[in-house]
């Protein structure tokens, strides 16, 4: 399977999480492309079997760069995705991330918070 992982990380925790995920997927024979939000074009995403998006919560919302990126996604209708939210509070923002993808008619297969 081909995977595209798009993440945003301020202090490196999100990067550690997606690198660990990429290692596990690679061990299972997957081909993985990891992109930070400023390296990816939301209107021209690489082809993949599954897209994974990882972002922290900042200022009681999904991090601004990732939120903006998700709003600009195009051409992924019907594609499968997973979401990761990192935070240090009791309330997670997976539901906020999911709402942005529902507007793009994507299919959620997993969501996890750290």
PDB file of N, CA and C in Angstrom:
ATOM      1  N   UNK A   1       0.832  -1.183   0.000  1.00  0.00           N
ATOM      2  CA  UNK A   1       0.000   0.000   0.000  1.00  0.00           C
ATOM      3  C   UNK A   1       0.879   1.250   0.000  1.00  0.00           C
ATOM      4  N   UNK A   2       0.349   2.294  -0.592  1.00  0.00           N
ATOM      5  CA  UNK A   2       1.024   3.585  -0.603  1.00  0.00           C
ATOM      6  C   UNK A   2       0.363   4.511   0.410  1.00  0.00           C
ATOM      7  N   UNK A   3       1.190   5.192   1.187  1.00  0.00           N
ATOM      8  CA  UNK A   3       0.705   6.096   2.210  1.00  0.00           C
ATOM      9  C   UNK A   3       1.320   7.475   2.022  1.00  0.00           C
ATOM     10  N   UNK A   4       0.522   8.496   2.247  1.00  0.00           N
ATOM     11  CA  UNK A   4       1.027   9.861   2.321  1.00  0.00           C
ATOM     12  C   UNK A   4       0.675  10.368   3.710  1.00  0.00           C
ATOM     13  N   UNK A   5       1.692  10.807   4.437  1.00  0.00           N
ATOM     14  CA  UNK A   5       1.498  11.337   5.785  1.00  0.00           C
ATOM     15  C   UNK A   5       1.823  12.820   5.751  1.00  0.00           C
ATOM     16  N   UNK A   6       0.859  13.640   6.131  1.00  0.00           N
ATOM     17  CA  UNK A   6       1.054  15.083   6.193  1.00  0.00           C
ATOM     18  C   UNK A   6       0.930  15.485   7.654  1.00  0.00           C
ATOM     19  N   UNK A   7       1.916  16.247   8.135  1.00  0.00           N
ATOM     20  CA  UNK A   7       1.903  16.608   9.548  1.00  0.00           C
ATOM     21  C   UNK A   7       2.366  18.045   9.747  1.00  0.00           C
ATOM     22  N   UNK A   8       2.096  18.535  10.944  1.00  0.00           N
ATOM     23  CA  UNK A   8       2.655  19.803  11.402  1.00  0.00           C
ATOM     24  C   UNK A   8       3.108  19.576  12.823  1.00  0.00           C
ATOM     25  N   UNK A   9       4.312  20.051  13.148  1.00  0.00           N
ATOM     26  CA  UNK A   9       4.862  19.855  14.489  1.00  0.00           C
ATOM     27  C   UNK A   9       5.709  21.059  14.863  1.00  0.00           C
ATOM     28  N   UNK A  10       5.439  21.634  16.010  1.00  0.00           N
ATOM     29  CA  UNK A  10       6.227  22.782  16.480  1.00  0.00           C
ATOM     30  C   UNK A  10       7.470  22.325  17.240  1.00  0.00           C
ATOM     31  N   UNK A  11       7.301  21.386  18.156  1.00  0.00           N
ATOM     32  CA  UNK A  11       8.396  20.981  19.035  1.00  0.00           C
ATOM     33  C   UNK A  11       8.986  19.617  18.698  1.00  0.00           C
ATOM     34  N   UNK A  12       8.468  18.958  17.680  1.00  0.00           N
ATOM     35  CA  UNK A  12       9.028  17.690  17.249  1.00  0.00           C
ATOM     36  C   UNK A  12       8.277  16.452  17.705  1.00  0.00           C
ATOM     37  N   UNK A  13       7.293  16.607  18.600  1.00  0.00           N
ATOM     38  CA  UNK A  13       6.536  15.429  19.055  1.00  0.00           C
ATOM     39  C   UNK A  13       5.716  14.823  17.926  1.00  0.00           C
ATOM     40  N   UNK A  14       5.046  15.655  17.153  1.00  0.00           N
ATOM     41  CA  UNK A  14       4.271  15.161  16.018  1.00  0.00           C
ATOM     42  C   UNK A  14       5.145  14.477  14.988  1.00  0.00           C
ATOM     43  N   UNK A  15       6.322  15.026  14.772  1.00  0.00           N
ATOM     44  CA  UNK A  15       7.260  14.421  13.818  1.00  0.00           C
ATOM     45  C   UNK A  15       7.693  13.041  14.298  1.00  0.00           C
ATOM     46  N   UNK A  16       7.947  12.891  15.591  1.00  0.00           N
ATOM     47  CA  UNK A  16       8.315  11.585  16.147  1.00  0.00           C
ATOM     48  C   UNK A  16       7.192  10.574  15.929  1.00  0.00           C
ATOM     49  N   UNK A  17       5.960  11.014  16.146  1.00  0.00           N
ATOM     50  CA  UNK A  17       4.815  10.115  15.984  1.00  0.00           C
ATOM     51  C   UNK A  17       4.693   9.644  14.538  1.00  0.00           C
ATOM     52  N   UNK A  18       4.764  10.576  13.577  1.00  0.00           N
ATOM     53  CA  UNK A  18       4.601  10.161  12.173  1.00  0.00           C
ATOM     54  C   UNK A  18       5.806   9.347  11.694  1.00  0.00           C
ATOM     55  N   UNK A  19       7.006   9.641  12.192  1.00  0.00           N
ATOM     56  CA  UNK A  19       8.167   8.827  11.820  1.00  0.00           C
ATOM     57  C   UNK A  19       8.020   7.405  12.358  1.00  0.00           C
ATOM     58  N   UNK A  20       7.503   7.269  13.576  1.00  0.00           N
ATOM     59  CA  UNK A  20       7.268   5.947  14.145  1.00  0.00           C
ATOM     60  C   UNK A  20       6.212   5.194  13.341  1.00  0.00           C
ATOM     61  N   UNK A  21       5.128   5.881  12.985  1.00  0.00           N
ATOM     62  CA  UNK A  21       4.086   5.272  12.150  1.00  0.00           C
ATOM     63  C   UNK A  21       4.662   4.836  10.810  1.00  0.00           C
ATOM     64  N   UNK A  22       5.465   5.687  10.193  1.00  0.00           N
ATOM     65  CA  UNK A  22       6.069   5.368   8.896  1.00  0.00           C
ATOM     66  C   UNK A  22       6.964   4.126   9.001  1.00  0.00           C
ATOM     67  N   UNK A  23       7.708   4.011  10.079  1.00  0.00           N
ATOM     68  CA  UNK A  23       8.564   2.839  10.281  1.00  0.00           C
ATOM     69  C   UNK A  23       7.721   1.563  10.351  1.00  0.00           C
ATOM     70  N   UNK A  24       6.625   1.621  11.109  1.00  0.00           N
ATOM     71  CA  UNK A  24       5.752   0.451  11.247  1.00  0.00           C
ATOM     72  C   UNK A  24       5.102   0.081   9.908  1.00  0.00           C
ATOM     73  N   UNK A  25       4.643   1.080   9.173  1.00  0.00           N
ATOM     74  CA  UNK A  25       4.018   0.809   7.872  1.00  0.00           C
ATOM     75  C   UNK A  25       5.040   0.265   6.875  1.00  0.00           C
ATOM     76  N   UNK A  26       6.249   0.773   6.931  1.00  0.00           N
ATOM     77  CA  UNK A  26       7.318   0.305   6.053  1.00  0.00           C
ATOM     78  C   UNK A  26       7.663  -1.145   6.349  1.00  0.00           C
ATOM     79  N   UNK A  27       7.659  -1.523   7.613  1.00  0.00           N
ATOM     80  CA  UNK A  27       7.939  -2.911   8.001  1.00  0.00           C
ATOM     81  C   UNK A  27       6.891  -3.868   7.452  1.00  0.00           C
ATOM     82  N   UNK A  28       5.702  -3.363   7.204  1.00  0.00           N
ATOM     83  CA  UNK A  28       4.616  -4.180   6.641  1.00  0.00           C
ATOM     84  C   UNK A  28       4.602  -4.099   5.110  1.00  0.00           C
ATOM     85  N   UNK A  29       5.639  -3.478   4.530  1.00  0.00           N
ATOM     86  CA  UNK A  29       5.761  -3.431   3.075  1.00  0.00           C
ATOM     87  C   UNK A  29       5.157  -2.207   2.420  1.00  0.00           C
ATOM     88  N   UNK A  30       4.757  -1.233   3.209  1.00  0.00           N
ATOM     89  CA  UNK A  30       4.161  -0.026   2.642  1.00  0.00           C
ATOM     90  C   UNK A  30       5.194   0.951   2.105  1.00  0.00           C
ATOM     91  N   UNK A  31       4.762   1.745   1.139  1.00  0.00           N
ATOM     92  CA  UNK A  31       5.593   2.829   0.626  1.00  0.00           C
ATOM     93  C   UNK A  31       5.032   4.123   1.207  1.00  0.00           C
ATOM     94  N   UNK A  32       5.897   4.883   1.872  1.00  0.00           N
ATOM     95  CA  UNK A  32       5.438   6.041   2.633  1.00  0.00           C
ATOM     96  C   UNK A  32       6.114   7.312   2.155  1.00  0.00           C
ATOM     97  N   UNK A  33       5.308   8.356   2.023  1.00  0.00           N
ATOM     98  CA  UNK A  33       5.821   9.689   1.736  1.00  0.00           C
ATOM     99  C   UNK A  33       5.372  10.580   2.897  1.00  0.00           C
ATOM    100  N   UNK A  34       6.339  11.212   3.567  1.00  0.00           N
ATOM    101  CA  UNK A  34       6.043  12.093   4.695  1.00  0.00           C
ATOM    102  C   UNK A  34       6.276  13.538   4.256  1.00  0.00           C
ATOM    103  N   UNK A  35       5.272  14.386   4.486  1.00  0.00           N
ATOM    104  CA  UNK A  35       5.356  15.795   4.102  1.00  0.00           C
ATOM    105  C   UNK A  35       4.892  16.680   5.251  1.00  0.00           C
ATOM    106  N   UNK A  36       5.622  17.741   5.503  1.00  0.00           N
ATOM    107  CA  UNK A  36       5.153  18.759   6.441  1.00  0.00           C
ATOM    108  C   UNK A  36       4.173  19.644   5.662  1.00  0.00           C
ATOM    109  N   UNK A  37       3.249  20.285   6.344  1.00  0.00           N
ATOM    110  CA  UNK A  37       2.212  21.053   5.647  1.00  0.00           C
ATOM    111  C   UNK A  37       2.788  22.061   4.664  1.00  0.00           C
ATOM    112  N   UNK A  38       3.938  22.660   4.982  1.00  0.00           N
ATOM    113  CA  UNK A  38       4.513  23.654   4.067  1.00  0.00           C
ATOM    114  C   UNK A  38       5.263  23.020   2.895  1.00  0.00           C
ATOM    115  N   UNK A  39       5.394  21.698   2.884  1.00  0.00           N
ATOM    116  CA  UNK A  39       6.041  20.989   1.779  1.00  0.00           C
ATOM    117  C   UNK A  39       5.027  20.367   0.817  1.00  0.00           C
ATOM    118  N   UNK A  40       3.776  20.327   1.222  1.00  0.00           N
ATOM    119  CA  UNK A  40       2.734  19.659   0.425  1.00  0.00           C
ATOM    120  C   UNK A  40       1.808  20.688  -0.208  1.00  0.00           C
ATOM    121  N   UNK A  41       1.288  20.348  -1.370  1.00  0.00           N
ATOM    122  CA  UNK A  41       0.315  21.194  -2.050  1.00  0.00           C
ATOM    123  C   UNK A  41      -1.067  20.569  -1.854  1.00  0.00           C
ATOM    124  N   UNK A  42      -1.944  21.212  -1.071  1.00  0.00           N
ATOM    125  CA  UNK A  42      -3.252  20.604  -0.809  1.00  0.00           C
ATOM    126  C   UNK A  42      -4.127  20.454  -2.048  1.00  0.00           C
ATOM    127  N   UNK A  43      -3.795  21.142  -3.119  1.00  0.00           N
ATOM    128  CA  UNK A  43      -4.573  21.038  -4.360  1.00  0.00           C
ATOM    129  C   UNK A  43      -3.983  20.004  -5.319  1.00  0.00           C
ATOM    130  N   UNK A  44      -2.826  19.437  -4.988  1.00  0.00           N
ATOM    131  CA  UNK A  44      -2.173  18.458  -5.860  1.00  0.00           C
ATOM    132  C   UNK A  44      -1.432  17.431  -5.005  1.00  0.00           C
ATOM    133  N   UNK A  45      -2.193  16.678  -4.228  1.00  0.00           N
ATOM    134  CA  UNK A  45      -1.582  15.684  -3.347  1.00  0.00           C
ATOM    135  C   UNK A  45      -1.092  14.482  -4.144  1.00  0.00           C
ATOM    136  N   UNK A  46       0.023  13.869  -3.712  1.00  0.00           N
ATOM    137  CA  UNK A  46       0.481  12.646  -4.365  1.00  0.00           C
ATOM    138  C   UNK A  46      -0.571  11.555  -4.221  1.00  0.00           C
ATOM    139  N   UNK A  47      -0.615  10.637  -5.151  1.00  0.00           N
ATOM    140  CA  UNK A  47      -1.567   9.527  -5.115  1.00  0.00           C
ATOM    141  C   UNK A  47      -1.192   8.577  -3.975  1.00  0.00           C
ATOM    142  N   UNK A  48      -2.203   8.090  -3.240  1.00  0.00           N
ATOM    143  CA  UNK A  48      -1.966   7.152  -2.145  1.00  0.00           C
ATOM    144  C   UNK A  48      -3.218   6.320  -1.905  1.00  0.00           C
ATOM    145  N   UNK A  49      -3.013   5.169  -1.268  1.00  0.00           N
ATOM    146  CA  UNK A  49      -4.135   4.330  -0.853  1.00  0.00           C
ATOM    147  C   UNK A  49      -4.749   4.868   0.438  1.00  0.00           C
ATOM    148  N   UNK A  50      -3.914   5.511   1.261  1.00  0.00           N
ATOM    149  CA  UNK A  50      -4.368   6.063   2.530  1.00  0.00           C
ATOM    150  C   UNK A  50      -3.573   7.328   2.843  1.00  0.00           C
ATOM    151  N   UNK A  51      -4.293   8.352   3.275  1.00  0.00           N
ATOM    152  CA  UNK A  51      -3.685   9.614   3.692  1.00  0.00           C
ATOM    153  C   UNK A  51      -3.806   9.716   5.206  1.00  0.00           C
ATOM    154  N   UNK A  52      -2.729  10.136   5.851  1.00  0.00           N
ATOM    155  CA  UNK A  52      -2.741  10.331   7.298  1.00  0.00           C
ATOM    156  C   UNK A  52      -2.374  11.787   7.560  1.00  0.00           C
ATOM    157  N   UNK A  53      -3.161  12.441   8.416  1.00  0.00           N
ATOM    158  CA  UNK A  53      -2.937  13.839   8.752  1.00  0.00           C
ATOM    159  C   UNK A  53      -2.746  13.938  10.255  1.00  0.00           C
ATOM    160  N   UNK A  54      -1.657  14.582  10.674  1.00  0.00           N
ATOM    161  CA  UNK A  54      -1.329  14.689  12.087  1.00  0.00           C
ATOM    162  C   UNK A  54      -1.084  16.140  12.452  1.00  0.00           C
ATOM    163  N   UNK A  55      -1.760  16.589  13.526  1.00  0.00           N
ATOM    164  CA  UNK A  55      -1.602  17.974  13.973  1.00  0.00           C
ATOM    165  C   UNK A  55      -1.838  18.075  15.470  1.00  0.00           C
ATOM    166  N   UNK A  56      -1.179  19.019  16.114  1.00  0.00           N
ATOM    167  CA  UNK A  56      -1.430  19.262  17.529  1.00  0.00           C
ATOM    168  C   UNK A  56      -2.618  20.199  17.721  1.00  0.00           C
ATOM    169  N   UNK A  57      -3.045  20.275  18.954  1.00  0.00           N
ATOM    170  CA  UNK A  57      -4.019  21.286  19.340  1.00  0.00           C
ATOM    171  C   UNK A  57      -3.235  22.476  19.878  1.00  0.00           C
ATOM    172  N   UNK A  58      -3.543  23.649  19.382  1.00  0.00           N
ATOM    173  CA  UNK A  58      -2.933  24.883  19.870  1.00  0.00           C
ATOM    174  C   UNK A  58      -4.033  25.921  20.031  1.00  0.00           C
ATOM    175  N   UNK A  59      -3.988  26.657  21.109  1.00  0.00           N
ATOM    176  CA  UNK A  59      -4.968  27.712  21.373  1.00  0.00           C
ATOM    177  C   UNK A  59      -6.396  27.179  21.274  1.00  0.00           C
ATOM    178  N   UNK A  60      -6.617  25.972  21.830  1.00  0.00           N
ATOM    179  CA  UNK A  60      -7.941  25.355  21.892  1.00  0.00           C
ATOM    180  C   UNK A  60      -8.551  25.099  20.515  1.00  0.00           C
ATOM    181  N   UNK A  61      -7.720  24.750  19.540  1.00  0.00           N
ATOM    182  CA  UNK A  61      -8.196  24.426  18.199  1.00  0.00           C
ATOM    183  C   UNK A  61      -7.132  23.587  17.506  1.00  0.00           C
ATOM    184  N   UNK A  62      -7.477  22.999  16.369  1.00  0.00           N
ATOM    185  CA  UNK A  62      -6.485  22.315  15.547  1.00  0.00           C
ATOM    186  C   UNK A  62      -5.471  23.369  15.094  1.00  0.00           C
ATOM    187  N   UNK A  63      -4.213  23.028  15.117  1.00  0.00           N
ATOM    188  CA  UNK A  63      -3.145  23.983  14.782  1.00  0.00           C
ATOM    189  C   UNK A  63      -3.454  24.691  13.463  1.00  0.00           C
ATOM    190  N   UNK A  64      -3.225  25.982  13.416  1.00  0.00           N
ATOM    191  CA  UNK A  64      -3.626  26.858  12.316  1.00  0.00           C
ATOM    192  C   UNK A  64      -3.099  26.414  10.949  1.00  0.00           C
ATOM    193  N   UNK A  65      -1.831  26.039  10.837  1.00  0.00           N
ATOM    194  CA  UNK A  65      -1.269  25.629   9.539  1.00  0.00           C
ATOM    195  C   UNK A  65      -1.997  24.397   8.993  1.00  0.00           C
ATOM    196  N   UNK A  66      -2.251  23.423   9.875  1.00  0.00           N
ATOM    197  CA  UNK A  66      -2.931  22.203   9.433  1.00  0.00           C
ATOM    198  C   UNK A  66      -4.393  22.496   9.125  1.00  0.00           C
ATOM    199  N   UNK A  67      -5.033  23.311   9.936  1.00  0.00           N
ATOM    200  CA  UNK A  67      -6.438  23.658   9.680  1.00  0.00           C
ATOM    201  C   UNK A  67      -6.585  24.315   8.313  1.00  0.00           C
ATOM    202  N   UNK A  68      -5.701  25.247   8.005  1.00  0.00           N
ATOM    203  CA  UNK A  68      -5.714  25.921   6.695  1.00  0.00           C
ATOM    204  C   UNK A  68      -5.441  24.924   5.576  1.00  0.00           C
ATOM    205  N   UNK A  69      -4.474  24.040   5.780  1.00  0.00           N
ATOM    206  CA  UNK A  69      -4.134  23.018   4.790  1.00  0.00           C
ATOM    207  C   UNK A  69      -5.345  22.135   4.495  1.00  0.00           C
ATOM    208  N   UNK A  70      -6.018  21.666   5.545  1.00  0.00           N
ATOM    209  CA  UNK A  70      -7.155  20.768   5.368  1.00  0.00           C
ATOM    210  C   UNK A  70      -8.301  21.459   4.623  1.00  0.00           C
ATOM    211  N   UNK A  71      -8.494  22.731   4.863  1.00  0.00           N
ATOM    212  CA  UNK A  71      -9.565  23.469   4.185  1.00  0.00           C
ATOM    213  C   UNK A  71      -9.298  23.619   2.689  1.00  0.00           C
ATOM    214  N   UNK A  72      -8.036  23.543   2.277  1.00  0.00           N
ATOM    215  CA  UNK A  72      -7.659  23.741   0.870  1.00  0.00           C
ATOM    216  C   UNK A  72      -7.510  22.435   0.097  1.00  0.00           C
ATOM    217  N   UNK A  73      -7.687  21.285   0.747  1.00  0.00           N
ATOM    218  CA  UNK A  73      -7.534  19.996   0.069  1.00  0.00           C
ATOM    219  C   UNK A  73      -8.509  19.868  -1.097  1.00  0.00           C
ATOM    220  N   UNK A  74      -8.008  19.362  -2.202  1.00  0.00           N
ATOM    221  CA  UNK A  74      -8.842  19.161  -3.389  1.00  0.00           C
ATOM    222  C   UNK A  74      -8.488  17.819  -4.029  1.00  0.00           C
ATOM    223  N   UNK A  75      -9.472  17.231  -4.687  1.00  0.00           N
ATOM    224  CA  UNK A  75      -9.228  16.028  -5.478  1.00  0.00           C
ATOM    225  C   UNK A  75      -9.101  14.738  -4.698  1.00  0.00           C
ATOM    226  N   UNK A  76      -9.527  14.718  -3.440  1.00  0.00           N
ATOM    227  CA  UNK A  76      -9.397  13.497  -2.644  1.00  0.00           C
ATOM    228  C   UNK A  76     -10.748  12.874  -2.294  1.00  0.00           C
ATOM    229  N   UNK A  77     -11.770  13.217  -3.040  1.00  0.00           N
ATOM    230  CA  UNK A  77     -13.096  12.666  -2.792  1.00  0.00           C
ATOM    231  C   UNK A  77     -13.050  11.141  -2.846  1.00  0.00           C
ATOM    232  N   UNK A  78     -13.646  10.508  -1.849  1.00  0.00           N
ATOM    233  CA  UNK A  78     -13.689   9.056  -1.792  1.00  0.00           C
ATOM    234  C   UNK A  78     -12.418   8.404  -1.282  1.00  0.00           C
ATOM    235  N   UNK A  79     -11.377   9.167  -1.050  1.00  0.00           N
ATOM    236  CA  UNK A  79     -10.101   8.612  -0.574  1.00  0.00           C
ATOM    237  C   UNK A  79     -10.174   8.341   0.928  1.00  0.00           C
ATOM    238  N   UNK A  80      -9.420   7.353   1.371  1.00  0.00           N
ATOM    239  CA  UNK A  80      -9.370   6.980   2.779  1.00  0.00           C
ATOM    240  C   UNK A  80      -8.351   7.842   3.519  1.00  0.00           C
ATOM    241  N   UNK A  81      -8.683   8.136   4.786  1.00  0.00           N
ATOM    242  CA  UNK A  81      -7.762   8.930   5.592  1.00  0.00           C
ATOM    243  C   UNK A  81      -7.812   8.499   7.052  1.00  0.00           C
ATOM    244  N   UNK A  82      -6.727   8.811   7.739  1.00  0.00           N
ATOM    245  CA  UNK A  82      -6.641   8.660   9.185  1.00  0.00           C
ATOM    246  C   UNK A  82      -6.162   9.976   9.752  1.00  0.00           C
ATOM    247  N   UNK A  83      -6.543  10.256  11.004  1.00  0.00           N
ATOM    248  CA  UNK A  83      -6.145  11.513  11.631  1.00  0.00           C
ATOM    249  C   UNK A  83      -5.513  11.249  12.990  1.00  0.00           C
ATOM    250  N   UNK A  84      -4.531  12.088  13.307  1.00  0.00           N
ATOM    251  CA  UNK A  84      -3.833  12.027  14.594  1.00  0.00           C
ATOM    252  C   UNK A  84      -3.863  13.421  15.190  1.00  0.00           C
ATOM    253  N   UNK A  85      -4.246  13.502  16.471  1.00  0.00           N
ATOM    254  CA  UNK A  85      -4.256  14.782  17.169  1.00  0.00           C
ATOM    255  C   UNK A  85      -3.418  14.638  18.430  1.00  0.00           C
ATOM    256  N   UNK A  86      -2.441  15.511  18.586  1.00  0.00           N
ATOM    257  CA  UNK A  86      -1.627  15.528  19.799  1.00  0.00           C
ATOM    258  C   UNK A  86      -2.026  16.740  20.622  1.00  0.00           C
ATOM    259  N   UNK A  87      -2.068  16.546  21.925  1.00  0.00           N
ATOM    260  CA  UNK A  87      -2.478  17.644  22.801  1.00  0.00           C
ATOM    261  C   UNK A  87      -2.130  17.316  24.242  1.00  0.00           C
ATOM    262  N   UNK A  88      -2.205  18.316  25.076  1.00  0.00           N
ATOM    263  CA  UNK A  88      -1.930  18.132  26.500  1.00  0.00           C
ATOM    264  C   UNK A  88      -3.136  18.487  27.342  1.00  0.00           C
ATOM    265  N   UNK A  89      -4.315  18.313  26.791  1.00  0.00           N
ATOM    266  CA  UNK A  89      -5.528  18.674  27.525  1.00  0.00           C
ATOM    267  C   UNK A  89      -6.522  17.528  27.494  1.00  0.00           C
ATOM    268  N   UNK A  90      -7.557  17.630  28.285  1.00  0.00           N
ATOM    269  CA  UNK A  90      -8.549  16.562  28.341  1.00  0.00           C
ATOM    270  C   UNK A  90      -9.380  16.465  27.073  1.00  0.00           C
ATOM    271  N   UNK A  91      -9.688  17.575  26.453  1.00  0.00           N
ATOM    272  CA  UNK A  91     -10.522  17.570  25.256  1.00  0.00           C
ATOM    273  C   UNK A  91      -9.669  17.428  24.007  1.00  0.00           C
ATOM    274  N   UNK A  92     -10.015  16.491  23.144  1.00  0.00           N
ATOM    275  CA  UNK A  92      -9.275  16.352  21.888  1.00  0.00           C
ATOM    276  C   UNK A  92     -10.049  17.035  20.766  1.00  0.00           C
ATOM    277  N   UNK A  93      -9.397  17.195  19.653  1.00  0.00           N
ATOM    278  CA  UNK A  93      -9.984  17.909  18.514  1.00  0.00           C
ATOM    279  C   UNK A  93     -10.126  17.024  17.287  1.00  0.00           C
ATOM    280  N   UNK A  94     -10.181  15.716  17.483  1.00  0.00           N
ATOM    281  CA  UNK A  94     -10.387  14.811  16.346  1.00  0.00           C
ATOM    282  C   UNK A  94     -11.687  15.126  15.628  1.00  0.00           C
ATOM    283  N   UNK A  95     -12.732  15.460  16.397  1.00  0.00           N
ATOM    284  CA  UNK A  95     -14.019  15.742  15.761  1.00  0.00           C
ATOM    285  C   UNK A  95     -13.945  16.978  14.867  1.00  0.00           C
ATOM    286  N   UNK A  96     -13.168  17.965  15.258  1.00  0.00           N
ATOM    287  CA  UNK A  96     -13.000  19.176  14.429  1.00  0.00           C
ATOM    288  C   UNK A  96     -12.261  18.812  13.132  1.00  0.00           C
ATOM    289  N   UNK A  97     -11.226  17.987  13.237  1.00  0.00           N
ATOM    290  CA  UNK A  97     -10.495  17.548  12.053  1.00  0.00           C
ATOM    291  C   UNK A  97     -11.423  16.748  11.141  1.00  0.00           C
ATOM    292  N   UNK A  98     -12.199  15.863  11.753  1.00  0.00           N
ATOM    293  CA  UNK A  98     -13.098  15.014  10.964  1.00  0.00           C
ATOM    294  C   UNK A  98     -14.123  15.842  10.197  1.00  0.00           C
ATOM    295  N   UNK A  99     -14.656  16.884  10.796  1.00  0.00           N
ATOM    296  CA  UNK A  99     -15.634  17.735  10.109  1.00  0.00           C
ATOM    297  C   UNK A  99     -15.046  18.361   8.847  1.00  0.00           C
ATOM    298  N   UNK A 100     -13.781  18.737   8.911  1.00  0.00           N
ATOM    299  CA  UNK A 100     -13.136  19.317   7.724  1.00  0.00           C
ATOM    300  C   UNK A 100     -13.021  18.289   6.596  1.00  0.00           C
ATOM    301  N   UNK A 101     -12.794  17.029   6.937  1.00  0.00           N
ATOM    302  CA  UNK A 101     -12.679  15.993   5.913  1.00  0.00           C
ATOM    303  C   UNK A 101     -14.030  15.551   5.383  1.00  0.00           C
ATOM    304  N   UNK A 102     -15.057  15.589   6.215  1.00  0.00           N
ATOM    305  CA  UNK A 102     -16.395  15.235   5.745  1.00  0.00           C
ATOM    306  C   UNK A 102     -16.830  16.152   4.603  1.00  0.00           C
ATOM    307  N   UNK A 103     -16.422  17.413   4.663  1.00  0.00           N
ATOM    308  CA  UNK A 103     -16.750  18.362   3.605  1.00  0.00           C
ATOM    309  C   UNK A 103     -16.061  17.999   2.295  1.00  0.00           C
ATOM    310  N   UNK A 104     -15.021  17.180   2.361  1.00  0.00           N
ATOM    311  CA  UNK A 104     -14.290  16.758   1.164  1.00  0.00           C
ATOM    312  C   UNK A 104     -14.710  15.367   0.710  1.00  0.00           C
ATOM    313  N   UNK A 105     -15.737  14.814   1.350  1.00  0.00           N
ATOM    314  CA  UNK A 105     -16.254  13.484   0.999  1.00  0.00           C
ATOM    315  C   UNK A 105     -15.182  12.408   1.041  1.00  0.00           C
ATOM    316  N   UNK A 106     -14.306  12.500   2.037  1.00  0.00           N
ATOM    317  CA  UNK A 106     -13.292  11.476   2.246  1.00  0.00           C
ATOM    318  C   UNK A 106     -13.834  10.439   3.233  1.00  0.00           C
ATOM    319  N   UNK A 107     -13.171   9.280   3.304  1.00  0.00           N
ATOM    320  CA  UNK A 107     -13.629   8.166   4.130  1.00  0.00           C
ATOM    321  C   UNK A 107     -12.657   7.955   5.290  1.00  0.00           C
ATOM    322  N   UNK A 108     -13.128   8.187   6.496  1.00  0.00           N
ATOM    323  CA  UNK A 108     -12.278   8.021   7.672  1.00  0.00           C
ATOM    324  C   UNK A 108     -12.123   6.539   8.006  1.00  0.00           C
ATOM    325  N   UNK A 109     -10.866   6.114   8.233  1.00  0.00           N
ATOM    326  CA  UNK A 109     -10.617   4.739   8.629  1.00  0.00           C
ATOM    327  C   UNK A 109     -10.027   4.657  10.040  1.00  0.00           C
ATOM    328  N   UNK A 110      -9.471   5.772  10.545  1.00  0.00           N
ATOM    329  CA  UNK A 110      -8.888   5.748  11.892  1.00  0.00           C
ATOM    330  C   UNK A 110      -8.703   7.160  12.415  1.00  0.00           C
ATOM    331  N   UNK A 111      -8.771   7.266  13.727  1.00  0.00           N
ATOM    332  CA  UNK A 111      -8.485   8.522  14.410  1.00  0.00           C
ATOM    333  C   UNK A 111      -7.886   8.203  15.758  1.00  0.00           C
ATOM    334  N   UNK A 112      -6.793   8.849  16.098  1.00  0.00           N
ATOM    335  CA  UNK A 112      -6.131   8.580  17.377  1.00  0.00           C
ATOM    336  C   UNK A 112      -5.610   9.877  17.963  1.00  0.00           C
ATOM    337  N   UNK A 113      -5.643   9.943  19.287  1.00  0.00           N
ATOM    338  CA  UNK A 113      -5.113  11.126  19.964  1.00  0.00           C
ATOM    339  C   UNK A 113      -3.993  10.715  20.906  1.00  0.00           C
ATOM    340  N   UNK A 114      -3.037  11.609  21.080  1.00  0.00           N
ATOM    341  CA  UNK A 114      -1.928  11.399  22.004  1.00  0.00           C
ATOM    342  C   UNK A 114      -1.874  12.555  22.972  1.00  0.00           C
TER     343      UNK A 114
END
